[in-house]
Amino acid sequence: MKKMVAAILVNLFLVSFSFAAGGTADEAIALVDRAVSYVKAEGKAKAFEEFSKPFGQFIDKDLYIFAIDYNGIVMAHGGSPKLIGKDISGLRDSDRVYFVKGFIELAKTRGRGWFDYKFLNPVTKGIEPKSTYIQKMDTFFLGCGIYK
């Protein structure tokens, strides 16, 4: 688990060099909405490939799309493609909140919405409040997070 967290942090740090400013809540929702439309138009396989392209069309500032199934397995990840196929359901934030399990619960019960937790901001190098917008699909959900 520690290696996985380290891999996430390293990849987020590398991606952060291209970010001029942080994305907003409205931009995150719009990116997720666009990703939902892309899945419906192109299918999961093509969409997951596109979502996982570094600097692709689903990367904007520090925003990127990820897809996770309801078991916590990463299906696509614009910030860290190395996570694809990994079970990240056991990840916790600095307050020991299981945030991926929180995403799953939100998707299953409400369908969409925001989940708050804390995460390392690769730009500031500090643990900061983060909020991720989740949208339920059929066997998975899409997400996009912002730092507050």
N, C-alpha and C. Protein backbone atom coordinates (compact mmCIF):
# COMPACT_ATOMS: atom_id res chain seq x y z
N MET A 1 0.83 -1.19 0.00
CA MET A 1 0.00 0.00 0.00
C MET A 1 0.87 1.25 0.00
N LYS A 2 1.97 1.24 0.76
CA LYS A 2 2.85 2.41 0.81
C LYS A 2 3.46 2.70 -0.55
N LYS A 3 3.83 1.63 -1.30
CA LYS A 3 4.39 1.81 -2.63
C LYS A 3 3.35 2.42 -3.56
N MET A 4 2.09 2.00 -3.41
CA MET A 4 1.03 2.53 -4.25
C MET A 4 0.81 4.02 -3.96
N VAL A 5 0.78 4.38 -2.69
CA VAL A 5 0.61 5.78 -2.32
C VAL A 5 1.79 6.60 -2.85
N ALA A 6 3.00 6.06 -2.72
CA ALA A 6 4.18 6.76 -3.23
C ALA A 6 4.08 6.95 -4.74
N ALA A 7 3.61 5.93 -5.46
CA ALA A 7 3.45 6.03 -6.91
C ALA A 7 2.44 7.10 -7.27
N ILE A 8 1.34 7.16 -6.53
CA ILE A 8 0.33 8.19 -6.78
C ILE A 8 0.95 9.57 -6.60
N LEU A 9 1.65 9.75 -5.51
CA LEU A 9 2.21 11.06 -5.20
C LEU A 9 3.26 11.48 -6.23
N VAL A 10 4.10 10.55 -6.65
CA VAL A 10 5.13 10.87 -7.65
C VAL A 10 4.47 11.26 -8.97
N ASN A 11 3.47 10.48 -9.39
CA ASN A 11 2.81 10.79 -10.66
C ASN A 11 2.06 12.11 -10.59
N LEU A 12 1.40 12.38 -9.49
CA LEU A 12 0.71 13.66 -9.35
C LEU A 12 1.71 14.81 -9.37
N PHE A 13 2.87 14.61 -8.77
CA PHE A 13 3.91 15.63 -8.78
C PHE A 13 4.38 15.90 -10.21
N LEU A 14 4.62 14.84 -10.99
CA LEU A 14 5.09 15.01 -12.36
C LEU A 14 4.06 15.72 -13.22
N VAL A 15 2.79 15.34 -13.06
CA VAL A 15 1.74 15.98 -13.84
C VAL A 15 1.59 17.44 -13.45
N SER A 16 1.91 17.78 -12.20
CA SER A 16 1.68 19.13 -11.69
C SER A 16 2.51 20.19 -12.41
N PHE A 17 3.59 19.81 -13.05
CA PHE A 17 4.41 20.80 -13.74
C PHE A 17 3.66 21.52 -14.85
N SER A 18 2.61 20.89 -15.38
CA SER A 18 1.87 21.51 -16.48
C SER A 18 0.72 22.38 -16.00
N PHE A 19 0.51 22.49 -14.72
CA PHE A 19 -0.65 23.21 -14.20
C PHE A 19 -0.30 24.65 -13.88
N ALA A 20 -1.03 25.55 -14.50
CA ALA A 20 -0.83 26.96 -14.21
C ALA A 20 -1.64 27.38 -12.99
N ALA A 21 -2.85 26.89 -12.91
CA ALA A 21 -3.74 27.25 -11.80
C ALA A 21 -4.67 26.08 -11.54
N GLY A 22 -5.21 26.04 -10.35
CA GLY A 22 -6.12 24.96 -10.01
C GLY A 22 -7.48 25.13 -10.66
N GLY A 23 -8.08 23.99 -10.98
CA GLY A 23 -9.41 24.00 -11.56
C GLY A 23 -10.46 24.32 -10.51
N THR A 24 -11.60 24.77 -10.97
CA THR A 24 -12.71 25.13 -10.09
C THR A 24 -13.71 23.98 -10.00
N ALA A 25 -14.63 24.11 -9.05
CA ALA A 25 -15.69 23.11 -8.90
C ALA A 25 -16.53 23.02 -10.18
N ASP A 26 -16.88 24.15 -10.75
CA ASP A 26 -17.67 24.14 -11.98
C ASP A 26 -16.92 23.48 -13.13
N GLU A 27 -15.62 23.71 -13.21
CA GLU A 27 -14.81 23.09 -14.26
C GLU A 27 -14.71 21.57 -14.06
N ALA A 28 -14.62 21.14 -12.81
CA ALA A 28 -14.57 19.71 -12.51
C ALA A 28 -15.87 19.03 -12.91
N ILE A 29 -16.99 19.63 -12.56
CA ILE A 29 -18.29 19.07 -12.94
C ILE A 29 -18.42 19.01 -14.46
N ALA A 30 -18.02 20.08 -15.14
CA ALA A 30 -18.11 20.11 -16.60
C ALA A 30 -17.23 19.03 -17.23
N LEU A 31 -16.04 18.80 -16.67
CA LEU A 31 -15.16 17.76 -17.19
C LEU A 31 -15.77 16.37 -16.99
N VAL A 32 -16.36 16.13 -15.83
CA VAL A 32 -17.03 14.85 -15.59
C VAL A 32 -18.21 14.69 -16.54
N ASP A 33 -19.01 15.72 -16.71
CA ASP A 33 -20.15 15.65 -17.63
C ASP A 33 -19.69 15.32 -19.05
N ARG A 34 -18.59 15.95 -19.46
CA ARG A 34 -18.04 15.67 -20.80
C ARG A 34 -17.55 14.23 -20.89
N ALA A 35 -16.95 13.73 -19.79
CA ALA A 35 -16.46 12.35 -19.76
C ALA A 35 -17.62 11.36 -19.83
N VAL A 36 -18.71 11.65 -19.14
CA VAL A 36 -19.91 10.80 -19.19
C VAL A 36 -20.40 10.71 -20.64
N SER A 37 -20.49 11.84 -21.30
CA SER A 37 -20.94 11.86 -22.70
C SER A 37 -20.00 11.07 -23.59
N TYR A 38 -18.70 11.18 -23.31
CA TYR A 38 -17.70 10.46 -24.11
C TYR A 38 -17.85 8.94 -23.93
N VAL A 39 -18.08 8.48 -22.70
CA VAL A 39 -18.30 7.05 -22.46
C VAL A 39 -19.53 6.58 -23.24
N LYS A 40 -20.60 7.35 -23.18
CA LYS A 40 -21.84 6.97 -23.86
C LYS A 40 -21.66 6.94 -25.38
N ALA A 41 -20.88 7.87 -25.92
CA ALA A 41 -20.69 7.96 -27.37
C ALA A 41 -19.66 6.96 -27.90
N GLU A 42 -18.59 6.74 -27.14
CA GLU A 42 -17.45 5.96 -27.65
C GLU A 42 -17.28 4.59 -27.01
N GLY A 43 -17.95 4.35 -25.90
CA GLY A 43 -17.80 3.08 -25.20
C GLY A 43 -16.72 3.16 -24.14
N LYS A 44 -16.79 2.23 -23.19
CA LYS A 44 -15.87 2.25 -22.05
C LYS A 44 -14.41 2.09 -22.46
N ALA A 45 -14.11 1.13 -23.31
CA ALA A 45 -12.71 0.84 -23.65
C ALA A 45 -12.01 2.07 -24.23
N LYS A 46 -12.65 2.69 -25.23
CA LYS A 46 -12.04 3.85 -25.85
C LYS A 46 -11.96 5.02 -24.87
N ALA A 47 -13.02 5.18 -24.07
CA ALA A 47 -13.04 6.28 -23.10
C ALA A 47 -11.95 6.10 -22.06
N PHE A 48 -11.81 4.91 -21.52
CA PHE A 48 -10.79 4.68 -20.49
C PHE A 48 -9.40 4.94 -21.03
N GLU A 49 -9.17 4.55 -22.27
CA GLU A 49 -7.87 4.82 -22.90
C GLU A 49 -7.64 6.33 -23.02
N GLU A 50 -8.67 7.04 -23.44
CA GLU A 50 -8.56 8.49 -23.61
C GLU A 50 -8.38 9.19 -22.26
N PHE A 51 -9.12 8.77 -21.25
CA PHE A 51 -9.01 9.39 -19.92
C PHE A 51 -7.61 9.24 -19.34
N SER A 52 -6.93 8.17 -19.69
CA SER A 52 -5.62 7.85 -19.10
C SER A 52 -4.44 8.43 -19.86
N LYS A 53 -4.69 9.17 -20.92
CA LYS A 53 -3.60 9.79 -21.69
C LYS A 53 -3.08 11.01 -20.95
N PRO A 54 -1.79 11.01 -20.60
CA PRO A 54 -1.21 12.22 -20.01
C PRO A 54 -1.33 13.37 -21.02
N PHE A 55 -1.78 14.50 -20.56
CA PHE A 55 -1.94 15.69 -21.39
C PHE A 55 -2.98 15.50 -22.50
N GLY A 56 -3.92 14.58 -22.31
CA GLY A 56 -4.97 14.34 -23.29
C GLY A 56 -6.12 15.32 -23.13
N GLN A 57 -7.20 15.06 -23.83
CA GLN A 57 -8.33 15.99 -23.85
C GLN A 57 -9.13 16.01 -22.54
N PHE A 58 -8.84 15.08 -21.62
CA PHE A 58 -9.53 15.08 -20.33
C PHE A 58 -8.58 15.49 -19.20
N ILE A 59 -7.58 16.29 -19.56
CA ILE A 59 -6.67 16.91 -18.60
C ILE A 59 -6.81 18.42 -18.80
N ASP A 60 -7.08 19.13 -17.71
CA ASP A 60 -7.23 20.58 -17.79
C ASP A 60 -6.72 21.18 -16.48
N LYS A 61 -5.64 21.96 -16.55
CA LYS A 61 -4.99 22.50 -15.36
C LYS A 61 -4.61 21.33 -14.45
N ASP A 62 -5.12 21.33 -13.21
CA ASP A 62 -4.84 20.20 -12.32
C ASP A 62 -6.00 19.22 -12.27
N LEU A 63 -6.91 19.33 -13.22
CA LEU A 63 -8.07 18.45 -13.29
C LEU A 63 -7.81 17.30 -14.25
N TYR A 64 -8.29 16.13 -13.87
CA TYR A 64 -8.22 14.96 -14.74
C TYR A 64 -9.35 14.01 -14.34
N ILE A 65 -9.70 13.14 -15.24
CA ILE A 65 -10.76 12.16 -15.01
C ILE A 65 -10.15 10.84 -14.55
N PHE A 66 -10.84 10.19 -13.63
CA PHE A 66 -10.51 8.82 -13.28
C PHE A 66 -11.79 8.00 -13.26
N ALA A 67 -11.65 6.69 -13.47
CA ALA A 67 -12.77 5.76 -13.40
C ALA A 67 -12.35 4.62 -12.47
N ILE A 68 -13.24 4.29 -11.54
CA ILE A 68 -13.00 3.22 -10.57
C ILE A 68 -14.25 2.37 -10.49
N ASP A 69 -14.07 1.05 -10.43
CA ASP A 69 -15.25 0.19 -10.29
C ASP A 69 -15.68 0.12 -8.82
N TYR A 70 -16.78 -0.54 -8.56
CA TYR A 70 -17.35 -0.55 -7.21
C TYR A 70 -16.60 -1.45 -6.23
N ASN A 71 -15.53 -2.10 -6.70
CA ASN A 71 -14.64 -2.85 -5.82
C ASN A 71 -13.38 -2.06 -5.51
N GLY A 72 -13.25 -0.87 -6.08
CA GLY A 72 -12.08 -0.03 -5.83
C GLY A 72 -10.95 -0.24 -6.82
N ILE A 73 -11.22 -0.92 -7.93
CA ILE A 73 -10.21 -1.17 -8.96
C ILE A 73 -10.20 0.00 -9.94
N VAL A 74 -9.02 0.57 -10.17
CA VAL A 74 -8.87 1.69 -11.10
C VAL A 74 -8.98 1.18 -12.53
N MET A 75 -9.89 1.79 -13.28
CA MET A 75 -10.11 1.41 -14.67
C MET A 75 -9.49 2.42 -15.63
N ALA A 76 -9.36 3.67 -15.18
CA ALA A 76 -8.72 4.74 -15.96
C ALA A 76 -8.26 5.79 -14.96
N HIS A 77 -7.15 6.48 -15.30
CA HIS A 77 -6.66 7.51 -14.39
C HIS A 77 -5.78 8.49 -15.15
N GLY A 78 -6.28 9.71 -15.30
CA GLY A 78 -5.54 10.74 -16.02
C GLY A 78 -4.35 11.29 -15.27
N GLY A 79 -4.34 11.16 -13.96
CA GLY A 79 -3.23 11.67 -13.16
C GLY A 79 -2.14 10.65 -12.92
N SER A 80 -2.50 9.37 -12.99
CA SER A 80 -1.53 8.31 -12.72
C SER A 80 -1.95 7.02 -13.42
N PRO A 81 -1.68 6.90 -14.71
CA PRO A 81 -2.07 5.70 -15.45
C PRO A 81 -1.48 4.40 -14.89
N LYS A 82 -0.41 4.49 -14.12
CA LYS A 82 0.19 3.29 -13.52
C LYS A 82 -0.74 2.63 -12.51
N LEU A 83 -1.77 3.34 -12.09
CA LEU A 83 -2.73 2.79 -11.12
C LEU A 83 -3.78 1.89 -11.76
N ILE A 84 -3.87 1.90 -13.08
CA ILE A 84 -4.89 1.11 -13.76
C ILE A 84 -4.71 -0.37 -13.39
N GLY A 85 -5.84 -0.97 -12.98
CA GLY A 85 -5.83 -2.38 -12.58
C GLY A 85 -5.56 -2.60 -11.10
N LYS A 86 -5.21 -1.55 -10.38
CA LYS A 86 -4.89 -1.67 -8.95
C LYS A 86 -6.12 -1.43 -8.09
N ASP A 87 -6.17 -2.14 -6.97
CA ASP A 87 -7.22 -1.95 -5.97
C ASP A 87 -6.76 -0.85 -5.03
N ILE A 88 -7.44 0.28 -5.05
CA ILE A 88 -7.06 1.40 -4.19
C ILE A 88 -8.11 1.67 -3.10
N SER A 89 -8.97 0.69 -2.88
CA SER A 89 -10.06 0.88 -1.91
C SER A 89 -9.56 1.11 -0.49
N GLY A 90 -8.34 0.70 -0.20
CA GLY A 90 -7.80 0.86 1.15
C GLY A 90 -7.07 2.16 1.40
N LEU A 91 -7.04 3.06 0.41
CA LEU A 91 -6.35 4.34 0.61
C LEU A 91 -7.09 5.20 1.62
N ARG A 92 -6.30 5.85 2.50
CA ARG A 92 -6.86 6.75 3.50
C ARG A 92 -6.14 8.09 3.43
N ASP A 93 -6.84 9.14 3.86
CA ASP A 93 -6.21 10.44 3.91
C ASP A 93 -5.51 10.64 5.25
N SER A 94 -5.00 11.83 5.50
CA SER A 94 -4.25 12.10 6.72
C SER A 94 -5.11 12.01 7.98
N ASP A 95 -6.42 12.09 7.83
CA ASP A 95 -7.35 11.91 8.95
C ASP A 95 -7.86 10.48 9.03
N ARG A 96 -7.26 9.59 8.25
CA ARG A 96 -7.57 8.17 8.20
C ARG A 96 -8.95 7.88 7.59
N VAL A 97 -9.43 8.80 6.77
CA VAL A 97 -10.69 8.62 6.05
C VAL A 97 -10.42 7.77 4.81
N TYR A 98 -11.18 6.69 4.65
CA TYR A 98 -11.08 5.85 3.46
C TYR A 98 -11.83 6.56 2.33
N PHE A 99 -11.13 7.40 1.60
CA PHE A 99 -11.81 8.25 0.64
C PHE A 99 -12.32 7.50 -0.58
N VAL A 100 -11.64 6.47 -1.05
CA VAL A 100 -12.15 5.71 -2.20
C VAL A 100 -13.43 4.98 -1.80
N LYS A 101 -13.45 4.42 -0.60
CA LYS A 101 -14.69 3.79 -0.11
C LYS A 101 -15.80 4.84 0.00
N GLY A 102 -15.43 6.06 0.36
CA GLY A 102 -16.40 7.15 0.39
C GLY A 102 -16.94 7.47 -0.99
N PHE A 103 -16.05 7.47 -2.00
CA PHE A 103 -16.50 7.69 -3.38
C PHE A 103 -17.52 6.62 -3.78
N ILE A 104 -17.17 5.36 -3.47
CA ILE A 104 -18.03 4.24 -3.85
C ILE A 104 -19.40 4.37 -3.19
N GLU A 105 -19.42 4.66 -1.91
CA GLU A 105 -20.68 4.81 -1.18
C GLU A 105 -21.51 5.96 -1.77
N LEU A 106 -20.87 7.07 -2.06
CA LEU A 106 -21.58 8.21 -2.65
C LEU A 106 -22.19 7.82 -3.99
N ALA A 107 -21.41 7.16 -4.84
CA ALA A 107 -21.90 6.76 -6.16
C ALA A 107 -23.09 5.81 -6.04
N LYS A 108 -22.99 4.85 -5.14
CA LYS A 108 -24.06 3.86 -4.99
C LYS A 108 -25.33 4.44 -4.38
N THR A 109 -25.19 5.37 -3.45
CA THR A 109 -26.36 5.87 -2.73
C THR A 109 -26.97 7.12 -3.34
N ARG A 110 -26.14 8.03 -3.82
CA ARG A 110 -26.65 9.31 -4.33
C ARG A 110 -26.50 9.46 -5.84
N GLY A 111 -25.64 8.67 -6.44
CA GLY A 111 -25.45 8.75 -7.90
C GLY A 111 -24.40 9.74 -8.33
N ARG A 112 -24.41 10.89 -7.67
CA ARG A 112 -23.40 11.92 -7.97
C ARG A 112 -23.32 12.89 -6.80
N GLY A 113 -22.18 13.59 -6.76
CA GLY A 113 -22.00 14.58 -5.71
C GLY A 113 -20.54 14.71 -5.34
N TRP A 114 -20.32 15.51 -4.30
CA TRP A 114 -18.96 15.82 -3.85
C TRP A 114 -18.60 15.01 -2.60
N PHE A 115 -17.32 14.58 -2.54
CA PHE A 115 -16.79 13.91 -1.36
C PHE A 115 -15.54 14.66 -0.92
N ASP A 116 -15.50 15.06 0.35
CA ASP A 116 -14.39 15.84 0.90
C ASP A 116 -13.41 14.96 1.69
N TYR A 117 -12.12 15.26 1.54
CA TYR A 117 -11.05 14.55 2.24
C TYR A 117 -9.81 15.43 2.16
N LYS A 118 -8.69 14.92 2.61
CA LYS A 118 -7.43 15.66 2.53
C LYS A 118 -6.45 14.86 1.68
N PHE A 119 -5.61 15.60 0.93
CA PHE A 119 -4.67 14.92 0.04
C PHE A 119 -3.48 15.83 -0.21
N LEU A 120 -2.35 15.24 -0.55
CA LEU A 120 -1.14 16.00 -0.85
C LEU A 120 -1.33 16.76 -2.16
N ASN A 121 -1.19 18.07 -2.08
CA ASN A 121 -1.24 18.90 -3.28
C ASN A 121 0.16 18.90 -3.89
N PRO A 122 0.31 18.38 -5.12
CA PRO A 122 1.64 18.28 -5.71
C PRO A 122 2.27 19.63 -6.03
N VAL A 123 1.48 20.68 -6.11
CA VAL A 123 2.01 22.01 -6.41
C VAL A 123 2.56 22.66 -5.14
N THR A 124 1.76 22.63 -4.07
CA THR A 124 2.18 23.30 -2.83
C THR A 124 2.99 22.38 -1.92
N LYS A 125 2.94 21.09 -2.18
CA LYS A 125 3.63 20.05 -1.38
C LYS A 125 3.03 19.91 0.03
N GLY A 126 1.84 20.43 0.22
CA GLY A 126 1.19 20.34 1.52
C GLY A 126 -0.07 19.50 1.47
N ILE A 127 -0.46 18.94 2.61
CA ILE A 127 -1.73 18.23 2.73
C ILE A 127 -2.82 19.30 2.79
N GLU A 128 -3.78 19.21 1.87
CA GLU A 128 -4.81 20.24 1.77
C GLU A 128 -6.19 19.61 1.64
N PRO A 129 -7.21 20.37 1.99
CA PRO A 129 -8.57 19.88 1.76
C PRO A 129 -8.80 19.70 0.26
N LYS A 130 -9.41 18.58 -0.08
CA LYS A 130 -9.71 18.28 -1.47
C LYS A 130 -11.15 17.81 -1.54
N SER A 131 -11.79 18.05 -2.65
CA SER A 131 -13.15 17.60 -2.87
C SER A 131 -13.21 16.98 -4.26
N THR A 132 -13.81 15.81 -4.35
CA THR A 132 -13.90 15.12 -5.63
C THR A 132 -15.35 14.95 -6.01
N TYR A 133 -15.64 15.31 -7.25
CA TYR A 133 -16.98 15.15 -7.80
C TYR A 133 -17.09 13.76 -8.42
N ILE A 134 -18.09 13.02 -8.01
CA ILE A 134 -18.31 11.64 -8.44
C ILE A 134 -19.59 11.56 -9.26
N GLN A 135 -19.56 10.77 -10.35
CA GLN A 135 -20.74 10.51 -11.17
C GLN A 135 -20.85 9.01 -11.41
N LYS A 136 -21.94 8.43 -10.97
CA LYS A 136 -22.19 7.00 -11.14
C LYS A 136 -22.42 6.67 -12.60
N MET A 137 -21.83 5.55 -13.03
CA MET A 137 -22.12 4.98 -14.35
C MET A 137 -22.73 3.60 -14.07
N ASP A 138 -22.57 2.64 -14.95
CA ASP A 138 -23.19 1.33 -14.72
C ASP A 138 -22.41 0.50 -13.70
N THR A 139 -21.22 0.07 -14.02
CA THR A 139 -20.42 -0.78 -13.12
C THR A 139 -19.23 -0.04 -12.52
N PHE A 140 -19.23 1.27 -12.66
CA PHE A 140 -18.11 2.08 -12.22
C PHE A 140 -18.59 3.51 -11.98
N PHE A 141 -17.69 4.37 -11.54
CA PHE A 141 -18.01 5.80 -11.44
C PHE A 141 -16.84 6.59 -12.00
N LEU A 142 -17.13 7.80 -12.40
CA LEU A 142 -16.11 8.74 -12.87
C LEU A 142 -15.92 9.78 -11.78
N GLY A 143 -14.71 10.34 -11.71
CA GLY A 143 -14.46 11.37 -10.73
C GLY A 143 -13.45 12.38 -11.23
N CYS A 144 -13.49 13.56 -10.57
CA CYS A 144 -12.55 14.63 -10.84
C CYS A 144 -12.46 15.47 -9.57
N GLY A 145 -11.25 15.70 -9.07
CA GLY A 145 -11.09 16.40 -7.80
C GLY A 145 -10.49 17.79 -7.93
N ILE A 146 -10.80 18.61 -6.93
CA ILE A 146 -10.25 19.96 -6.85
C ILE A 146 -9.66 20.16 -5.45
N TYR A 147 -8.64 21.01 -5.38
CA TYR A 147 -8.13 21.43 -4.08
C TYR A 147 -8.90 22.69 -3.69
N LYS A 148 -9.27 22.77 -2.43
CA LYS A 148 -10.08 23.91 -1.96
C LYS A 148 -9.22 25.07 -1.53
